[in-house]
């Protein structure tokens, strides 16, 4: 049976829940008692859901970067690993729920005690307009793998240089 862990992160429960042009970071402390010690040391994380209210941001895309130690992703900006993005489809004068766009299963260290998201406006590459994001909720899925099977798979994919 494949049982996964899910963590629901609410903006209102972050250490500092305000998002604005000068603070574009949300951090949550995760109690170590949340995790079972019987979980594998090989783990992947995936952002499976995110939503919130984005006021006065028409067709805006917000990138979600994370502090989690991701092993199978790099990016051209050499910045924090990219977890996904939120996109608003609301009218300029109204508000609308955001939708998530992410489909990456990323290898990470298991059982993190702190999770941090840095959220940036993809258009300006800054935290501008973030004061318009309220009530955001993020759902992470942690999937654990059999250590022996994973090691065997990695060995099979290894190609020594000639």
N, C-alpha and C. Protein backbone atom coordinates (compact mmCIF):
# COMPACT_ATOMS: atom_id res chain seq x y z
N UNK A 1 0.84 -1.17 0.00
CA UNK A 1 0.00 0.00 0.00
C UNK A 1 0.89 1.24 0.00
N UNK A 2 0.55 2.19 -0.84
CA UNK A 2 1.33 3.41 -0.99
C UNK A 2 0.62 4.54 -0.24
N UNK A 3 1.09 4.83 0.98
CA UNK A 3 0.49 5.88 1.79
C UNK A 3 1.39 7.10 1.72
N UNK A 4 0.80 8.25 1.44
CA UNK A 4 1.54 9.49 1.32
C UNK A 4 1.22 10.39 2.50
N UNK A 5 2.10 11.34 2.77
CA UNK A 5 1.84 12.37 3.77
C UNK A 5 1.40 13.62 3.04
N UNK A 6 0.45 14.34 3.62
CA UNK A 6 -0.02 15.60 3.07
C UNK A 6 0.12 16.67 4.14
N UNK A 7 0.62 17.82 3.74
CA UNK A 7 0.72 18.95 4.66
C UNK A 7 -0.07 20.10 4.05
N UNK A 8 -0.98 20.65 4.83
CA UNK A 8 -1.77 21.80 4.42
C UNK A 8 -1.19 23.03 5.09
N UNK A 9 -0.74 23.98 4.29
CA UNK A 9 -0.10 25.19 4.79
C UNK A 9 -1.01 26.38 4.49
N UNK A 10 -1.49 27.03 5.54
CA UNK A 10 -2.36 28.19 5.38
C UNK A 10 -1.55 29.47 5.58
N UNK A 11 -1.78 30.44 4.72
CA UNK A 11 -1.09 31.72 4.83
C UNK A 11 -1.28 32.32 6.22
N UNK A 12 -2.47 32.21 6.79
CA UNK A 12 -2.77 32.81 8.09
C UNK A 12 -2.00 32.15 9.23
N UNK A 13 -1.48 30.93 9.01
CA UNK A 13 -0.75 30.21 10.06
C UNK A 13 0.77 30.28 9.87
N UNK A 14 1.24 31.04 8.90
CA UNK A 14 2.68 31.20 8.69
C UNK A 14 3.26 32.05 9.81
N UNK A 15 4.57 31.95 10.01
CA UNK A 15 5.24 32.72 11.05
C UNK A 15 4.93 34.20 10.86
N UNK A 16 5.05 34.70 9.64
CA UNK A 16 4.60 36.05 9.28
C UNK A 16 3.69 35.88 8.09
N UNK A 17 2.41 36.18 8.24
CA UNK A 17 1.44 35.86 7.20
C UNK A 17 1.21 36.98 6.20
N UNK A 18 1.90 38.10 6.36
CA UNK A 18 1.71 39.24 5.46
C UNK A 18 2.58 39.07 4.22
N UNK A 19 1.96 39.18 3.07
CA UNK A 19 2.69 39.19 1.80
C UNK A 19 2.60 40.60 1.24
N UNK A 20 3.74 41.20 0.93
CA UNK A 20 3.74 42.51 0.28
C UNK A 20 5.04 42.68 -0.48
N UNK A 21 5.25 43.88 -1.03
CA UNK A 21 6.43 44.11 -1.88
C UNK A 21 7.74 43.96 -1.12
N UNK A 22 7.72 44.14 0.21
CA UNK A 22 8.96 44.02 0.98
C UNK A 22 9.09 42.67 1.68
N UNK A 23 8.00 41.94 1.83
CA UNK A 23 8.04 40.60 2.43
C UNK A 23 7.29 39.63 1.53
N UNK A 24 8.03 38.88 0.76
CA UNK A 24 7.40 37.93 -0.16
C UNK A 24 7.67 36.49 0.26
N UNK A 25 7.86 36.28 1.58
CA UNK A 25 8.19 34.96 2.11
C UNK A 25 7.19 34.52 3.15
N UNK A 26 6.77 33.27 3.06
CA UNK A 26 5.93 32.63 4.07
C UNK A 26 6.70 31.44 4.63
N UNK A 27 6.76 31.33 5.96
CA UNK A 27 7.47 30.23 6.61
C UNK A 27 6.55 29.56 7.62
N UNK A 28 6.58 28.23 7.60
CA UNK A 28 5.80 27.45 8.56
C UNK A 28 6.74 26.53 9.32
N UNK A 29 6.51 26.38 10.61
CA UNK A 29 7.24 25.41 11.43
C UNK A 29 6.39 24.15 11.51
N UNK A 30 6.98 23.02 11.16
CA UNK A 30 6.27 21.75 11.14
C UNK A 30 6.74 20.94 12.34
N UNK A 31 5.84 20.56 13.24
CA UNK A 31 6.26 19.77 14.41
C UNK A 31 6.83 18.42 13.99
N UNK A 32 7.91 18.02 14.64
CA UNK A 32 8.53 16.73 14.30
C UNK A 32 7.59 15.57 14.63
N UNK A 33 6.64 15.79 15.51
CA UNK A 33 5.68 14.73 15.86
C UNK A 33 4.71 14.43 14.73
N UNK A 34 4.68 15.30 13.72
CA UNK A 34 3.78 15.07 12.58
C UNK A 34 4.19 13.82 11.80
N UNK A 35 5.48 13.60 11.71
CA UNK A 35 6.01 12.53 10.86
C UNK A 35 6.23 11.24 11.65
N UNK A 36 6.10 10.14 10.96
CA UNK A 36 6.42 8.84 11.54
C UNK A 36 7.90 8.56 11.31
N UNK A 37 8.59 8.06 12.31
CA UNK A 37 10.00 7.68 12.15
C UNK A 37 10.16 6.46 11.27
N UNK A 38 9.05 5.80 10.97
CA UNK A 38 9.11 4.59 10.16
C UNK A 38 9.08 4.89 8.66
N UNK A 39 9.06 6.16 8.31
CA UNK A 39 9.07 6.53 6.89
C UNK A 39 10.48 6.39 6.32
N UNK A 40 10.53 6.17 5.04
CA UNK A 40 11.80 6.01 4.33
C UNK A 40 12.58 7.33 4.32
N UNK A 41 13.88 7.23 4.06
CA UNK A 41 14.71 8.41 3.93
C UNK A 41 14.77 8.92 2.49
N UNK A 42 14.05 8.25 1.59
CA UNK A 42 13.97 8.69 0.19
C UNK A 42 12.56 9.23 -0.03
N UNK A 43 12.48 10.49 -0.45
CA UNK A 43 11.19 11.17 -0.46
C UNK A 43 11.10 12.14 -1.64
N UNK A 44 9.88 12.33 -2.13
CA UNK A 44 9.63 13.39 -3.11
C UNK A 44 8.49 14.26 -2.60
N UNK A 45 8.46 15.49 -3.08
CA UNK A 45 7.42 16.43 -2.69
C UNK A 45 6.78 16.98 -3.97
N UNK A 46 5.49 17.24 -3.87
CA UNK A 46 4.76 17.79 -5.01
C UNK A 46 3.72 18.77 -4.47
N UNK A 47 3.64 19.93 -5.08
CA UNK A 47 2.58 20.89 -4.76
C UNK A 47 1.35 20.44 -5.51
N UNK A 48 0.34 19.91 -4.80
CA UNK A 48 -0.81 19.34 -5.50
C UNK A 48 -2.02 20.28 -5.52
N UNK A 49 -2.01 21.31 -4.68
CA UNK A 49 -3.13 22.24 -4.70
C UNK A 49 -2.68 23.55 -4.06
N UNK A 50 -3.21 24.63 -4.55
CA UNK A 50 -2.98 25.95 -3.96
C UNK A 50 -4.11 26.85 -4.41
N UNK A 51 -4.56 27.67 -3.51
CA UNK A 51 -5.60 28.63 -3.87
C UNK A 51 -5.57 29.79 -2.91
N UNK A 52 -6.26 30.84 -3.27
CA UNK A 52 -6.33 32.04 -2.46
C UNK A 52 -7.08 33.09 -3.24
N UNK A 53 -7.14 34.29 -2.72
CA UNK A 53 -7.82 35.39 -3.39
C UNK A 53 -6.78 36.38 -3.88
N UNK A 54 -6.83 36.69 -5.15
CA UNK A 54 -5.90 37.66 -5.73
C UNK A 54 -6.72 38.85 -6.22
N UNK A 55 -6.65 39.95 -5.50
CA UNK A 55 -7.42 41.14 -5.86
C UNK A 55 -6.63 42.03 -6.82
N UNK A 56 -7.32 42.53 -7.81
CA UNK A 56 -6.77 43.52 -8.73
C UNK A 56 -5.49 43.07 -9.43
N UNK A 57 -5.37 41.81 -9.68
CA UNK A 57 -4.22 41.31 -10.44
C UNK A 57 -4.77 40.51 -11.61
N UNK A 58 -4.91 41.14 -12.73
CA UNK A 58 -5.47 40.45 -13.89
C UNK A 58 -4.38 39.63 -14.57
N UNK A 59 -4.67 38.35 -14.76
CA UNK A 59 -3.78 37.43 -15.46
C UNK A 59 -2.35 37.49 -14.94
N UNK A 60 -2.21 37.62 -13.65
CA UNK A 60 -0.89 37.67 -13.04
C UNK A 60 -0.42 36.26 -12.71
N UNK A 61 0.87 36.02 -12.87
CA UNK A 61 1.44 34.72 -12.52
C UNK A 61 2.45 34.93 -11.40
N UNK A 62 2.30 34.16 -10.33
CA UNK A 62 3.20 34.25 -9.19
C UNK A 62 3.96 32.94 -9.06
N UNK A 63 5.28 33.00 -9.11
CA UNK A 63 6.12 31.80 -8.95
C UNK A 63 6.25 31.46 -7.48
N UNK A 64 6.20 30.17 -7.16
CA UNK A 64 6.39 29.69 -5.80
C UNK A 64 7.74 28.97 -5.75
N UNK A 65 8.67 29.55 -5.01
CA UNK A 65 9.99 28.95 -4.80
C UNK A 65 10.03 28.41 -3.38
N UNK A 66 10.90 27.45 -3.11
CA UNK A 66 10.92 26.82 -1.79
C UNK A 66 12.33 26.66 -1.24
N UNK A 67 12.41 26.55 0.08
CA UNK A 67 13.70 26.31 0.74
C UNK A 67 14.02 24.82 0.84
N UNK A 68 13.10 23.95 0.45
CA UNK A 68 13.35 22.51 0.55
C UNK A 68 14.54 22.13 -0.32
N UNK A 69 15.34 21.21 0.17
CA UNK A 69 16.54 20.80 -0.57
C UNK A 69 16.14 19.86 -1.71
N UNK A 70 15.95 20.42 -2.87
CA UNK A 70 15.51 19.68 -4.05
C UNK A 70 16.74 19.14 -4.78
N UNK A 71 16.70 17.87 -5.14
CA UNK A 71 17.87 17.22 -5.74
C UNK A 71 17.78 17.04 -7.24
N UNK A 72 16.59 17.11 -7.81
CA UNK A 72 16.46 16.81 -9.23
C UNK A 72 15.91 17.99 -10.03
N UNK A 73 16.26 19.20 -9.62
CA UNK A 73 15.85 20.38 -10.37
C UNK A 73 16.91 21.47 -10.25
N UNK A 74 17.15 22.14 -11.35
CA UNK A 74 17.98 23.34 -11.33
C UNK A 74 17.28 24.34 -12.23
N UNK A 75 17.66 25.61 -12.09
CA UNK A 75 17.05 26.61 -12.96
C UNK A 75 18.11 27.60 -13.42
N UNK A 76 17.83 28.29 -14.50
CA UNK A 76 18.82 29.16 -15.12
C UNK A 76 19.17 30.36 -14.25
N UNK A 77 18.32 30.71 -13.29
CA UNK A 77 18.61 31.84 -12.43
C UNK A 77 19.42 31.48 -11.20
N UNK A 78 19.71 30.18 -11.04
CA UNK A 78 20.44 29.71 -9.85
C UNK A 78 19.80 30.22 -8.56
N UNK A 79 18.49 30.20 -8.53
CA UNK A 79 17.76 30.67 -7.36
C UNK A 79 17.20 29.47 -6.61
N UNK A 80 16.33 29.74 -5.67
CA UNK A 80 15.66 28.67 -4.94
C UNK A 80 14.91 27.76 -5.91
N UNK A 81 14.71 26.51 -5.56
CA UNK A 81 13.97 25.60 -6.44
C UNK A 81 12.54 26.07 -6.67
N UNK A 82 12.08 25.86 -7.88
CA UNK A 82 10.74 26.24 -8.34
C UNK A 82 9.78 25.12 -8.01
N UNK A 83 8.70 25.45 -7.30
CA UNK A 83 7.72 24.44 -6.91
C UNK A 83 6.47 24.49 -7.77
N UNK A 84 6.10 25.68 -8.26
CA UNK A 84 4.91 25.83 -9.08
C UNK A 84 4.56 27.30 -9.21
N UNK A 85 3.37 27.59 -9.77
CA UNK A 85 2.96 28.98 -9.87
C UNK A 85 1.46 29.10 -9.65
N UNK A 86 1.08 30.26 -9.17
CA UNK A 86 -0.33 30.62 -9.02
C UNK A 86 -0.67 31.59 -10.13
N UNK A 87 -1.85 31.43 -10.69
CA UNK A 87 -2.27 32.35 -11.74
C UNK A 87 -3.66 32.84 -11.43
N UNK A 88 -3.84 34.15 -11.56
CA UNK A 88 -5.16 34.75 -11.35
C UNK A 88 -5.82 34.99 -12.69
N UNK A 89 -7.08 34.71 -12.77
CA UNK A 89 -7.84 34.99 -13.98
C UNK A 89 -8.87 36.07 -13.74
N UNK A 90 -8.76 36.78 -12.62
CA UNK A 90 -9.76 37.78 -12.24
C UNK A 90 -9.68 39.05 -13.05
N UNK A 91 -10.78 39.79 -13.06
CA UNK A 91 -10.82 41.08 -13.73
C UNK A 91 -9.98 42.07 -12.94
N UNK A 92 -9.54 43.12 -13.60
CA UNK A 92 -8.68 44.11 -12.95
C UNK A 92 -9.36 44.78 -11.77
N UNK A 93 -10.66 44.95 -11.83
CA UNK A 93 -11.35 45.64 -10.74
C UNK A 93 -12.02 44.68 -9.76
N UNK A 94 -11.98 43.42 -10.05
CA UNK A 94 -12.66 42.45 -9.20
C UNK A 94 -11.68 41.54 -8.49
N UNK A 95 -12.17 40.38 -8.07
CA UNK A 95 -11.27 39.40 -7.46
C UNK A 95 -11.67 38.03 -7.95
N UNK A 96 -10.75 37.13 -7.88
CA UNK A 96 -11.01 35.79 -8.36
C UNK A 96 -10.09 34.84 -7.63
N UNK A 97 -10.49 33.59 -7.53
CA UNK A 97 -9.60 32.60 -6.94
C UNK A 97 -8.47 32.28 -7.90
N UNK A 98 -7.34 32.01 -7.33
CA UNK A 98 -6.18 31.67 -8.15
C UNK A 98 -6.21 30.19 -8.47
N UNK A 99 -5.48 29.81 -9.48
CA UNK A 99 -5.34 28.40 -9.81
C UNK A 99 -3.87 28.04 -9.81
N UNK A 100 -3.60 26.80 -9.52
CA UNK A 100 -2.21 26.32 -9.44
C UNK A 100 -1.80 25.69 -10.76
N UNK A 101 -0.53 25.83 -11.09
CA UNK A 101 0.04 25.15 -12.23
C UNK A 101 1.37 24.56 -11.78
N UNK A 102 1.36 23.29 -11.48
CA UNK A 102 2.58 22.60 -11.06
C UNK A 102 2.37 21.11 -11.27
N UNK A 103 3.38 20.46 -11.78
CA UNK A 103 3.26 19.02 -11.97
C UNK A 103 4.62 18.35 -11.87
N UNK A 104 5.40 18.78 -10.90
CA UNK A 104 6.73 18.21 -10.74
C UNK A 104 6.81 17.45 -9.42
N UNK A 105 7.32 16.23 -9.50
CA UNK A 105 7.63 15.47 -8.29
C UNK A 105 9.11 15.63 -8.05
N UNK A 106 9.44 16.31 -6.96
CA UNK A 106 10.82 16.70 -6.71
C UNK A 106 11.41 15.93 -5.55
N UNK A 107 12.59 15.34 -5.77
CA UNK A 107 13.28 14.62 -4.70
C UNK A 107 13.73 15.61 -3.63
N UNK A 108 13.45 15.29 -2.38
CA UNK A 108 13.80 16.19 -1.28
C UNK A 108 14.16 15.39 -0.04
N UNK A 109 14.70 16.08 0.94
CA UNK A 109 14.97 15.43 2.23
C UNK A 109 13.64 15.18 2.92
N UNK A 110 13.48 14.04 3.57
CA UNK A 110 12.21 13.73 4.23
C UNK A 110 12.02 14.50 5.53
N UNK A 111 10.79 14.63 5.94
CA UNK A 111 10.39 15.19 7.24
C UNK A 111 10.98 16.57 7.54
N UNK A 112 10.74 17.57 6.69
CA UNK A 112 11.27 18.90 6.98
C UNK A 112 10.59 19.51 8.20
N UNK A 113 11.35 20.23 9.00
CA UNK A 113 10.79 20.89 10.19
C UNK A 113 10.41 22.34 9.90
N UNK A 114 10.91 22.88 8.81
CA UNK A 114 10.54 24.23 8.38
C UNK A 114 10.31 24.21 6.88
N UNK A 115 9.23 24.82 6.45
CA UNK A 115 8.96 24.96 5.03
C UNK A 115 8.79 26.44 4.75
N UNK A 116 9.54 26.93 3.77
CA UNK A 116 9.46 28.34 3.39
C UNK A 116 9.14 28.45 1.91
N UNK A 117 8.20 29.32 1.58
CA UNK A 117 7.90 29.65 0.20
C UNK A 117 8.29 31.10 -0.03
N UNK A 118 8.98 31.36 -1.11
CA UNK A 118 9.22 32.72 -1.57
C UNK A 118 8.37 32.89 -2.82
N UNK A 119 7.52 33.88 -2.80
CA UNK A 119 6.56 34.06 -3.89
C UNK A 119 6.93 35.34 -4.63
N UNK A 120 7.15 35.20 -5.94
CA UNK A 120 7.54 36.37 -6.73
C UNK A 120 6.61 36.53 -7.93
N UNK A 121 6.46 37.76 -8.33
CA UNK A 121 5.68 38.11 -9.51
C UNK A 121 6.53 37.77 -10.72
N UNK A 122 6.06 36.89 -11.58
CA UNK A 122 6.86 36.47 -12.74
C UNK A 122 7.10 37.61 -13.71
N UNK A 123 6.21 38.59 -13.74
CA UNK A 123 6.36 39.71 -14.67
C UNK A 123 7.48 40.64 -14.24
N UNK A 124 7.52 40.98 -12.94
CA UNK A 124 8.51 41.93 -12.45
C UNK A 124 9.68 41.25 -11.74
N UNK A 125 9.57 39.95 -11.48
CA UNK A 125 10.59 39.18 -10.77
C UNK A 125 10.87 39.74 -9.37
N UNK A 126 9.83 40.32 -8.76
CA UNK A 126 9.93 40.87 -7.41
C UNK A 126 8.70 40.47 -6.62
N UNK A 127 8.59 41.00 -5.42
CA UNK A 127 7.41 40.75 -4.59
C UNK A 127 6.30 41.74 -4.84
N UNK A 128 6.40 42.56 -5.89
CA UNK A 128 5.37 43.56 -6.14
C UNK A 128 4.00 42.92 -6.36
N UNK A 129 2.98 43.57 -5.94
CA UNK A 129 1.58 43.17 -6.06
C UNK A 129 1.19 42.03 -5.13
N UNK A 130 2.10 41.57 -4.27
CA UNK A 130 1.75 40.43 -3.42
C UNK A 130 0.77 40.80 -2.32
N UNK A 131 0.64 42.10 -1.99
CA UNK A 131 -0.33 42.47 -0.97
C UNK A 131 -1.75 42.17 -1.42
N UNK A 132 -1.90 41.80 -2.69
CA UNK A 132 -3.22 41.47 -3.20
C UNK A 132 -3.56 39.99 -3.01
N UNK A 133 -2.62 39.19 -2.50
CA UNK A 133 -2.87 37.77 -2.28
C UNK A 133 -3.26 37.57 -0.81
N UNK A 134 -4.47 37.04 -0.59
CA UNK A 134 -4.97 36.82 0.76
C UNK A 134 -5.55 35.42 0.89
N UNK A 135 -5.45 34.87 2.08
CA UNK A 135 -6.08 33.58 2.36
C UNK A 135 -5.53 32.43 1.55
N UNK A 136 -4.26 32.49 1.20
CA UNK A 136 -3.67 31.42 0.39
C UNK A 136 -3.53 30.13 1.20
N UNK A 137 -3.77 29.02 0.54
CA UNK A 137 -3.61 27.69 1.13
C UNK A 137 -2.83 26.84 0.14
N UNK A 138 -1.83 26.14 0.64
CA UNK A 138 -0.98 25.28 -0.19
C UNK A 138 -1.05 23.86 0.35
N UNK A 139 -1.16 22.88 -0.53
CA UNK A 139 -1.19 21.48 -0.12
C UNK A 139 0.00 20.77 -0.75
N UNK A 140 0.87 20.23 0.11
CA UNK A 140 2.04 19.47 -0.35
C UNK A 140 1.81 17.98 -0.14
N UNK A 141 2.26 17.20 -1.09
CA UNK A 141 2.21 15.74 -0.96
C UNK A 141 3.64 15.22 -0.85
N UNK A 142 3.91 14.48 0.21
CA UNK A 142 5.21 13.83 0.38
C UNK A 142 5.02 12.35 0.11
N UNK A 143 5.83 11.84 -0.80
CA UNK A 143 5.75 10.43 -1.19
C UNK A 143 7.08 9.78 -0.83
N UNK A 144 7.02 8.64 -0.18
CA UNK A 144 8.22 7.95 0.29
C UNK A 144 8.48 6.71 -0.55
N UNK A 145 9.76 6.39 -0.74
CA UNK A 145 10.15 5.28 -1.60
C UNK A 145 10.99 4.27 -0.83
N UNK A 146 10.97 3.04 -1.28
CA UNK A 146 11.80 1.99 -0.71
C UNK A 146 13.26 2.30 -1.02
N UNK A 147 14.07 2.38 0.02
CA UNK A 147 15.48 2.77 -0.14
C UNK A 147 16.23 1.79 -1.03
N UNK A 148 16.04 0.50 -0.82
CA UNK A 148 16.78 -0.51 -1.59
C UNK A 148 16.40 -0.46 -3.07
N UNK A 149 15.10 -0.37 -3.36
CA UNK A 149 14.66 -0.30 -4.76
C UNK A 149 15.17 0.97 -5.43
N UNK A 150 15.12 2.08 -4.70
CA UNK A 150 15.59 3.35 -5.25
C UNK A 150 17.08 3.29 -5.55
N UNK A 151 17.86 2.73 -4.65
CA UNK A 151 19.30 2.59 -4.86
C UNK A 151 19.58 1.74 -6.08
N UNK A 152 18.87 0.63 -6.21
CA UNK A 152 19.05 -0.24 -7.38
C UNK A 152 18.71 0.50 -8.67
N UNK A 153 17.64 1.28 -8.67
CA UNK A 153 17.26 2.05 -9.86
C UNK A 153 18.33 3.07 -10.22
N UNK A 154 18.89 3.73 -9.21
CA UNK A 154 19.94 4.72 -9.47
C UNK A 154 21.19 4.05 -10.04
N UNK A 155 21.55 2.88 -9.53
CA UNK A 155 22.71 2.16 -10.03
C UNK A 155 22.48 1.74 -11.49
N UNK A 156 21.28 1.28 -11.81
CA UNK A 156 20.95 0.88 -13.17
C UNK A 156 21.02 2.07 -14.14
N UNK A 157 20.73 3.27 -13.66
CA UNK A 157 20.75 4.46 -14.53
C UNK A 157 22.12 5.11 -14.60
N UNK A 158 23.04 4.66 -13.77
CA UNK A 158 24.38 5.24 -13.73
C UNK A 158 25.14 4.87 -14.99
N UNK A 159 25.78 5.85 -15.57
CA UNK A 159 26.58 5.62 -16.76
C UNK A 159 27.98 6.19 -16.53
N UNK A 160 28.95 5.33 -16.26
CA UNK A 160 30.32 5.83 -16.00
C UNK A 160 30.91 6.48 -17.26
N UNK A 161 31.73 7.49 -17.04
CA UNK A 161 32.39 8.15 -18.17
C UNK A 161 33.46 7.22 -18.72
N UNK A 162 33.56 7.20 -20.01
CA UNK A 162 34.56 6.36 -20.67
C UNK A 162 35.82 7.15 -20.96
